[in-house]
Amino acid sequence: MKVLVLYDYPPSPGGLATQGDLLYKGLLEMGIAAHAVHLESAQEKEWYYRWFKPDVVVGVGYWGHAPHLILHLQRYGVQPVPWLVADGYIANYRELLNALPLILVTSNWVKEMYIRDGINGDNIEVLPVGCNTDAFRPYEKNDEMITAVREALGISPDQLMILTVGGDAASKGAQEVMQALAIIDSKAPTWKYVRKVWPQPRTQLQNLAGLQMATHLGIEKNVAYATNTISRNFMPYLIGACDIYAAPSRLEGFGMPQVEAGACAKPVIGIKAMGMLDTLVHAETAFLAKVAKKIVVNEVILGDESGFESKHKVVFESPRIVDYRASVHDIANYLMDLMTDPALREKMGQAGRERVVKNFDYRVVAKRFVQIINEKLGIA
């Protein structure tokens, strides 16, 4: 089997790039003939089609990347297998997607979204995102690299560090976490909440809103923002430095940071919905807060990024859920349970590590990919 992998290559620290790069790494370690190329690099992709002659080309992205992941390949007679995430609604390229013999998605929830929006489920297979469990692993609390992270964030040895990682943090449920922390602040052990966000204009606005909320709640001295460009090399130590990973995301097709936290043997707080139903086990590897609210819309405005003209309006026949909110009181109760019980944190973290190694290690995912390609496309 010869495989060409399309993603943001060379990889940036983002989730989609990491998703593609770990599959590529896993295939190489299996002895599969594989190469990687940027999904938008038309000339380089064509170069690989001509000399490498791949049996299959797997492309990482969402449905809006169809021109790069499907149409360009079909022009040269190459078999595309898109590996897709969802952004709440599949608005275009239905005919193109339905004509494919195989589509990979990152979770059962993503599969449900594609089926809901008119994609044939018979040809959709779930392939989870891989995790590098060699890098994301448990670290001793007195490890020099872990203590260096905590010191840089201004966290004292006696403080519990609660962490959320995400592009703008708000999408990962950080506002709900802050509200929960405000509820338990007077009863909980000493703590600090770290929100790691990516530097971008949207993040600056969300940070301002978050700071205003923290001030309003009276917990601003216990909330820290880490707004830096960092590499994937640093992430295991950032997660390893925390005591609890809290991310009851508002929209989550898989939940890579939650899985990475599990690999680091950290207890996780998530939401009982979407991709986290695949990756986390309530009361065993994580606490999943109930859904308190569903954000519903009747229409959306799309543009050329989705294959439409500018300001194209799509009106739904029935309202669509585009966002979730976790129960703040559930989050507060679960935080209190974990913050006051070190043995529970240890037990849940170890269970999380075992689950990730068994189900989401990047080598396990690569083997599953090869198995799916063999079973569905007859390519060995």
Protein backbone atom coordinates (compact mmCIF):
# COMPACT_ATOMS: atom_id res chain seq x y z
CA MET A 1 0.00 0.00 0.00
CA LYS A 2 1.26 3.45 -0.97
CA VAL A 3 -0.32 6.37 0.89
CA LEU A 4 -0.08 10.11 0.36
CA VAL A 5 -1.21 12.17 3.37
CA LEU A 6 -2.53 15.70 2.82
CA TYR A 7 -2.55 18.17 5.72
CA ASP A 8 -0.91 21.38 6.91
CA TYR A 9 2.61 20.10 6.20
CA PRO A 10 5.20 20.78 7.55
CA PRO A 11 2.98 20.67 10.61
CA SER A 12 1.98 23.75 12.57
CA PRO A 13 0.95 23.23 16.24
CA GLY A 14 -2.76 23.15 15.29
CA GLY A 15 -5.08 20.19 15.73
CA LEU A 16 -5.62 19.29 12.06
CA ALA A 17 -1.88 19.40 11.33
CA THR A 18 -1.17 17.18 14.35
CA GLN A 19 -3.92 14.79 13.29
CA GLY A 20 -2.34 14.32 9.85
CA ASP A 21 1.24 14.22 11.07
CA LEU A 22 0.61 11.47 13.62
CA LEU A 23 -1.11 9.30 11.00
CA TYR A 24 1.86 9.85 8.68
CA LYS A 25 4.29 8.98 11.48
CA GLY A 26 2.33 5.84 12.36
CA LEU A 27 2.23 4.64 8.76
CA LEU A 28 5.97 5.09 8.38
CA GLU A 29 6.62 3.12 11.58
CA MET A 30 4.45 0.31 10.21
CA GLY A 31 6.66 0.12 7.12
CA ILE A 32 3.98 1.59 4.84
CA ALA A 33 5.27 3.55 1.86
CA ALA A 34 3.96 7.02 2.69
CA HIS A 35 4.66 10.66 1.94
CA ALA A 36 3.19 13.91 3.28
CA VAL A 37 2.36 17.11 1.42
CA HIS A 38 0.47 20.32 2.14
CA LEU A 39 -3.20 19.95 1.21
CA GLU A 40 -3.18 23.22 -0.79
CA SER A 41 0.10 22.62 -2.65
CA ALA A 42 -1.35 21.77 -6.07
CA GLN A 43 1.97 21.47 -7.91
CA GLU A 44 3.64 19.30 -5.28
CA LYS A 45 0.57 17.07 -5.00
CA GLU A 46 0.59 16.54 -8.76
CA TRP A 47 4.30 15.71 -8.57
CA TYR A 48 3.56 12.92 -6.07
CA TYR A 49 0.64 11.64 -8.18
CA ARG A 50 2.93 11.25 -11.19
CA TRP A 51 5.97 9.51 -9.69
CA PHE A 52 4.80 8.04 -6.37
CA LYS A 53 1.48 6.82 -7.82
CA PRO A 54 -0.28 6.44 -4.44
CA ASP A 55 -2.94 3.78 -4.01
CA VAL A 56 -4.86 6.12 -1.74
CA VAL A 57 -4.62 9.76 -0.72
CA VAL A 58 -5.97 10.61 2.73
CA GLY A 59 -6.63 14.29 3.35
CA VAL A 60 -7.25 15.93 6.72
CA GLY A 61 -9.70 18.80 6.96
CA TYR A 62 -13.39 19.66 7.01
CA TRP A 63 -16.01 19.49 4.24
CA GLY A 64 -15.08 22.97 2.99
CA HIS A 65 -11.65 21.65 2.00
CA ALA A 66 -13.25 19.41 -0.65
CA PRO A 67 -11.56 21.22 -3.60
CA HIS A 68 -8.14 20.42 -2.11
CA LEU A 69 -8.91 16.98 -0.68
CA ILE A 70 -11.18 15.56 -3.38
CA LEU A 71 -11.59 17.53 -6.62
CA HIS A 72 -7.87 18.04 -7.29
CA LEU A 73 -7.21 14.32 -6.80
CA GLN A 74 -10.06 13.21 -9.05
CA ARG A 75 -8.73 15.38 -11.84
CA TYR A 76 -5.65 13.12 -11.92
CA GLY A 77 -7.46 9.83 -11.37
CA VAL A 78 -6.25 9.42 -7.78
CA GLN A 79 -8.43 7.83 -5.06
CA PRO A 80 -9.31 10.38 -2.36
CA VAL A 81 -10.21 9.38 1.19
CA PRO A 82 -11.01 12.55 3.15
CA TRP A 83 -10.62 12.36 6.94
CA LEU A 84 -13.02 15.02 8.11
CA VAL A 85 -14.09 16.98 11.14
CA ALA A 86 -17.37 18.88 11.44
CA ASP A 87 -18.07 22.54 12.22
CA GLY A 88 -21.72 22.14 13.13
CA TYR A 89 -23.25 22.01 9.63
CA ILE A 90 -22.27 20.45 6.28
CA ALA A 91 -23.48 23.11 3.86
CA ASN A 92 -21.97 22.12 0.51
CA TYR A 93 -20.33 19.40 -1.62
CA ARG A 94 -22.97 16.80 -0.69
CA GLU A 95 -23.07 15.26 -4.16
CA LEU A 96 -19.28 15.10 -4.26
CA LEU A 97 -19.08 13.47 -0.82
CA ASN A 98 -21.88 11.01 -1.51
CA ALA A 99 -20.08 9.75 -4.62
CA LEU A 100 -17.01 8.68 -2.62
CA PRO A 101 -16.56 5.02 -1.65
CA LEU A 102 -15.11 5.99 1.75
CA ILE A 103 -15.12 8.97 4.10
CA LEU A 104 -13.31 8.94 7.44
CA VAL A 105 -14.55 11.04 10.36
CA THR A 106 -13.09 11.62 13.81
CA SER A 107 -16.02 10.52 16.02
CA ASN A 108 -19.48 9.01 16.00
CA TRP A 109 -20.92 12.47 16.64
CA VAL A 110 -19.24 13.82 13.50
CA LYS A 111 -20.70 10.87 11.57
CA GLU A 112 -24.15 11.74 12.92
CA MET A 113 -23.72 15.35 11.76
CA TYR A 114 -22.80 14.26 8.23
CA ILE A 115 -25.73 11.85 8.04
CA ARG A 116 -28.08 14.52 9.43
CA ASP A 117 -26.96 16.89 6.68
CA GLY A 118 -27.52 14.47 3.83
CA ILE A 119 -24.35 12.37 3.53
CA ASN A 120 -24.74 8.61 3.06
CA GLY A 121 -23.65 6.93 6.28
CA ASP A 122 -22.90 3.56 4.64
CA ASN A 123 -19.54 4.83 3.42
CA ILE A 124 -18.54 6.74 6.57
CA GLU A 125 -16.09 5.11 8.97
CA VAL A 126 -14.95 6.50 12.32
CA LEU A 127 -11.18 6.86 12.71
CA PRO A 128 -10.16 8.68 15.92
CA VAL A 129 -7.31 11.15 16.07
CA GLY A 130 -4.04 9.65 17.27
CA CYS A 131 -2.06 10.68 20.34
CA ASN A 132 1.68 10.41 20.84
CA THR A 133 1.64 8.58 24.18
CA ASP A 134 5.45 8.55 24.28
CA ALA A 135 5.48 12.36 24.59
CA PHE A 136 2.18 12.77 26.40
CA ARG A 137 2.83 10.67 29.48
CA PRO A 138 2.79 11.03 33.27
CA TYR A 139 5.53 13.19 34.78
CA GLU A 140 6.61 13.43 38.40
CA LYS A 141 5.46 16.62 40.04
CA ASN A 142 9.05 17.47 41.04
CA ASP A 143 10.36 16.92 37.50
CA GLU A 144 12.48 19.96 36.65
CA MET A 145 10.61 20.64 33.40
CA ILE A 146 7.24 20.47 35.17
CA THR A 147 8.25 22.75 38.03
CA ALA A 148 9.70 25.20 35.48
CA VAL A 149 6.30 25.45 33.77
CA ARG A 150 4.48 26.05 37.05
CA GLU A 151 7.01 28.66 38.18
CA ALA A 152 6.73 30.50 34.85
CA LEU A 153 2.95 30.63 35.29
CA GLY A 154 3.27 31.91 38.85
CA ILE A 155 1.79 28.82 40.46
CA SER A 156 3.03 27.95 43.94
CA PRO A 157 3.66 24.32 44.97
CA ASP A 158 0.59 24.27 47.20
CA GLN A 159 -1.79 25.56 44.51
CA LEU A 160 -3.90 23.26 42.36
CA MET A 161 -3.50 24.10 38.69
CA ILE A 162 -6.61 23.81 36.53
CA LEU A 163 -5.93 24.06 32.80
CA THR A 164 -7.90 24.69 29.62
CA VAL A 165 -6.17 24.68 26.22
CA GLY A 166 -7.83 26.01 23.09
CA GLY A 167 -7.66 28.55 20.30
CA ASP A 168 -9.82 31.06 22.15
CA ALA A 169 -10.60 29.11 25.38
CA ALA A 170 -14.25 30.21 25.30
CA SER A 171 -15.03 27.52 22.71
CA LYS A 172 -13.52 24.99 25.13
CA GLY A 173 -15.94 25.99 27.88
CA ALA A 174 -13.59 28.26 29.83
CA GLN A 175 -16.34 30.71 30.79
CA GLU A 176 -18.40 27.90 32.27
CA VAL A 177 -15.32 26.71 34.20
CA MET A 178 -14.76 30.22 35.62
CA GLN A 179 -18.38 30.44 36.75
CA ALA A 180 -18.01 27.05 38.45
CA LEU A 181 -14.80 28.10 40.18
CA ALA A 182 -16.49 31.21 41.50
CA ILE A 183 -19.19 29.04 43.08
CA ILE A 184 -16.69 26.87 44.98
CA ASP A 185 -13.93 29.42 45.57
CA SER A 186 -14.54 29.88 49.29
CA LYS A 187 -14.69 26.13 49.96
CA ALA A 188 -12.03 24.78 47.61
CA PRO A 189 -8.29 24.32 48.30
CA THR A 190 -6.05 27.09 46.93
CA TRP A 191 -6.10 27.06 43.12
CA LYS A 192 -5.13 28.85 39.94
CA TYR A 193 -6.89 28.58 36.58
CA VAL A 194 -4.69 28.76 33.46
CA ARG A 195 -6.24 29.40 30.05
CA LYS A 196 -3.80 28.63 27.22
CA VAL A 197 -4.96 30.40 24.09
CA TRP A 198 -3.55 31.01 20.62
CA PRO A 199 -2.56 34.57 19.69
CA GLN A 200 -5.06 35.85 17.10
CA PRO A 201 -7.52 38.77 16.85
CA ARG A 202 -10.48 36.64 18.01
CA THR A 203 -8.46 35.46 21.01
CA GLN A 204 -7.77 39.05 22.08
CA LEU A 205 -11.49 39.81 22.15
CA GLN A 206 -12.25 36.58 24.02
CA ASN A 207 -9.45 37.28 26.52
CA LEU A 208 -10.91 40.72 27.24
CA ALA A 209 -14.36 39.19 27.76
CA GLY A 210 -12.82 36.50 29.97
CA LEU A 211 -10.95 39.04 32.10
CA GLN A 212 -14.11 41.07 32.51
CA MET A 213 -15.98 37.95 33.60
CA ALA A 214 -13.23 36.94 36.03
CA THR A 215 -13.29 40.45 37.54
CA HIS A 216 -17.06 40.40 37.80
CA LEU A 217 -16.89 37.01 39.51
CA GLY A 218 -14.17 38.20 41.87
CA ILE A 219 -11.63 35.53 40.87
CA GLU A 220 -9.36 37.60 38.61
CA LYS A 221 -6.30 37.07 40.86
CA ASN A 222 -6.62 33.32 40.37
CA VAL A 223 -7.00 33.36 36.58
CA ALA A 224 -3.94 33.43 34.32
CA TYR A 225 -3.71 33.67 30.54
CA ALA A 226 -0.94 32.06 28.51
CA THR A 227 -1.12 33.74 25.09
CA ASN A 228 1.96 32.56 23.27
CA THR A 229 2.88 30.71 20.13
CA ILE A 230 4.22 27.37 21.34
CA SER A 231 5.35 24.15 19.70
CA ARG A 232 3.96 20.68 20.16
CA ASN A 233 7.16 19.88 22.09
CA PHE A 234 6.01 22.10 24.97
CA MET A 235 2.43 20.83 25.23
CA PRO A 236 3.14 17.60 27.19
CA TYR A 237 4.87 19.63 29.91
CA LEU A 238 2.13 22.27 30.04
CA ILE A 239 -0.51 19.55 30.49
CA GLY A 240 1.82 17.62 32.78
CA ALA A 241 2.06 20.66 35.06
CA CYS A 242 -1.69 20.79 35.75
CA ASP A 243 -3.68 18.87 38.33
CA ILE A 244 -7.04 18.93 36.53
CA TYR A 245 -7.77 19.45 32.85
CA ALA A 246 -11.13 21.20 32.41
CA ALA A 247 -12.63 21.68 28.96
CA PRO A 248 -16.41 21.19 28.73
CA SER A 249 -16.28 22.33 25.11
CA ARG A 250 -19.09 24.13 23.34
CA LEU A 251 -18.34 22.37 20.05
CA GLU A 252 -16.04 19.35 19.89
CA GLY A 253 -15.81 16.76 17.13
CA PHE A 254 -13.09 14.80 18.92
CA GLY A 255 -11.31 16.59 21.76
CA MET A 256 -7.58 16.15 21.20
CA PRO A 257 -6.44 18.10 24.31
CA GLN A 258 -8.78 16.05 26.50
CA VAL A 259 -7.21 12.86 25.12
CA GLU A 260 -3.70 14.26 25.58
CA ALA A 261 -4.57 15.13 29.17
CA GLY A 262 -5.71 11.54 29.70
CA ALA A 263 -2.40 10.32 28.25
CA CYS A 264 -0.65 12.48 30.86
CA ALA A 265 -2.77 10.75 33.55
CA LYS A 266 -4.73 13.90 34.33
CA PRO A 267 -8.41 13.78 35.34
CA VAL A 268 -10.60 15.56 32.82
CA ILE A 269 -13.82 17.53 33.08
CA GLY A 270 -15.79 17.54 29.84
CA ILE A 271 -19.37 17.67 28.59
CA LYS A 272 -21.73 14.75 28.05
CA ALA A 273 -22.09 15.36 24.32
CA MET A 274 -20.38 15.26 20.93
CA GLY A 275 -16.95 13.68 20.42
CA MET A 276 -16.25 13.37 24.14
CA LEU A 277 -18.78 10.53 24.32
CA ASP A 278 -16.22 8.53 22.30
CA THR A 279 -13.05 9.62 24.04
CA LEU A 280 -14.00 9.92 27.72
CA VAL A 281 -15.78 7.57 30.13
CA HIS A 282 -17.88 9.35 32.75
CA ALA A 283 -16.83 8.71 36.37
CA GLU A 284 -13.96 6.51 35.17
CA THR A 285 -11.55 8.63 33.11
CA ALA A 286 -13.43 11.92 33.37
CA PHE A 287 -16.43 13.73 34.74
CA LEU A 288 -18.87 14.74 32.00
CA ALA A 289 -21.15 17.63 32.88
CA LYS A 290 -24.71 17.51 31.60
CA VAL A 291 -25.76 19.73 28.71
CA ALA A 292 -27.46 22.79 30.19
CA LYS A 293 -28.23 24.61 26.95
CA LYS A 294 -28.22 24.02 23.20
CA ILE A 295 -27.61 26.99 20.91
CA VAL A 296 -29.96 26.72 17.94
CA VAL A 297 -29.98 28.77 14.71
CA ASN A 298 -32.41 28.98 11.80
CA GLU A 299 -29.95 30.21 9.18
CA VAL A 300 -26.24 30.77 8.50
CA ILE A 301 -24.23 33.07 6.25
CA LEU A 302 -21.44 31.38 4.26
CA GLY A 303 -18.92 32.47 1.65
CA ASP A 304 -16.20 31.32 -0.71
CA GLU A 305 -14.50 29.34 2.08
CA SER A 306 -17.45 26.96 1.78
CA GLY A 307 -17.72 26.99 -2.01
CA PHE A 308 -20.41 29.70 -2.17
CA GLU A 309 -20.53 33.30 -3.34
CA SER A 310 -19.93 35.94 -0.69
CA LYS A 311 -22.64 36.31 1.98
CA HIS A 312 -24.61 33.28 0.80
CA LYS A 313 -27.55 32.66 3.13
CA VAL A 314 -28.63 29.10 3.99
CA VAL A 315 -32.03 28.82 5.67
CA PHE A 316 -32.65 25.51 7.45
CA GLU A 317 -35.86 23.55 7.04
CA SER A 318 -35.63 22.85 10.75
CA PRO A 319 -33.45 24.66 13.34
CA ARG A 320 -29.92 23.32 13.85
CA ILE A 321 -27.89 22.94 17.04
CA VAL A 322 -24.57 24.71 16.51
CA ASP A 323 -23.25 24.97 20.07
CA TYR A 324 -23.63 23.47 23.53
CA ARG A 325 -23.21 24.79 27.06
CA ALA A 326 -22.30 22.52 29.97
CA SER A 327 -24.00 22.70 33.36
CA VAL A 328 -22.04 25.12 35.54
CA HIS A 329 -23.28 23.43 38.71
CA ASP A 330 -22.13 20.02 37.47
CA ILE A 331 -18.71 21.47 36.68
CA ALA A 332 -18.55 23.04 40.13
CA ASN A 333 -19.43 19.77 41.87
CA TYR A 334 -16.94 17.77 39.83
CA LEU A 335 -14.17 20.31 40.38
CA MET A 336 -14.80 20.20 44.11
CA ASP A 337 -14.69 16.40 44.12
CA LEU A 338 -11.34 16.35 42.30
CA MET A 339 -9.77 19.28 44.13
CA THR A 340 -10.46 17.81 47.55
CA ASP A 341 -9.54 14.18 46.76
CA PRO A 342 -5.97 13.54 45.54
CA ALA A 343 -6.64 9.77 45.40
CA LEU A 344 -9.56 10.34 43.04
CA ARG A 345 -7.39 12.49 40.79
CA GLU A 346 -4.77 9.75 40.71
CA LYS A 347 -7.28 6.97 40.05
CA MET A 348 -9.09 8.81 37.28
CA GLY A 349 -5.84 9.92 35.68
CA GLN A 350 -4.44 6.39 35.57
CA ALA A 351 -7.66 5.08 34.04
CA GLY A 352 -7.46 7.83 31.44
CA ARG A 353 -3.88 6.92 30.58
CA GLU A 354 -4.78 3.25 30.10
CA ARG A 355 -7.72 4.11 27.83
CA VAL A 356 -5.71 6.46 25.63
CA VAL A 357 -2.83 4.00 25.20
CA LYS A 358 -5.25 1.22 24.25
CA ASN A 359 -7.54 3.16 21.91
CA PHE A 360 -5.93 6.38 20.71
CA ASP A 361 -2.18 5.85 20.49
CA TYR A 362 -1.11 7.02 17.01
CA ARG A 363 0.21 3.54 16.16
CA VAL A 364 -3.16 2.00 17.00
CA VAL A 365 -4.86 4.59 14.79
CA ALA A 366 -2.47 3.93 11.88
CA LYS A 367 -3.17 0.18 12.07
CA ARG A 368 -6.90 0.87 12.09
CA PHE A 369 -6.52 3.12 9.04
CA VAL A 370 -4.76 0.37 7.10
CA GLN A 371 -7.45 -2.11 8.16
CA ILE A 372 -10.26 0.19 6.98
CA ILE A 373 -8.57 0.84 3.62
CA ASN A 374 -8.14 -2.90 3.11
CA GLU A 375 -11.71 -3.76 4.09
CA LYS A 376 -13.50 -0.93 2.29
CA LEU A 377 -11.32 -0.39 -0.78
CA GLY A 378 -9.60 -3.77 -1.15
CA ILE A 379 -6.14 -2.13 -1.07
CA ALA A 380 -3.49 -4.12 0.75
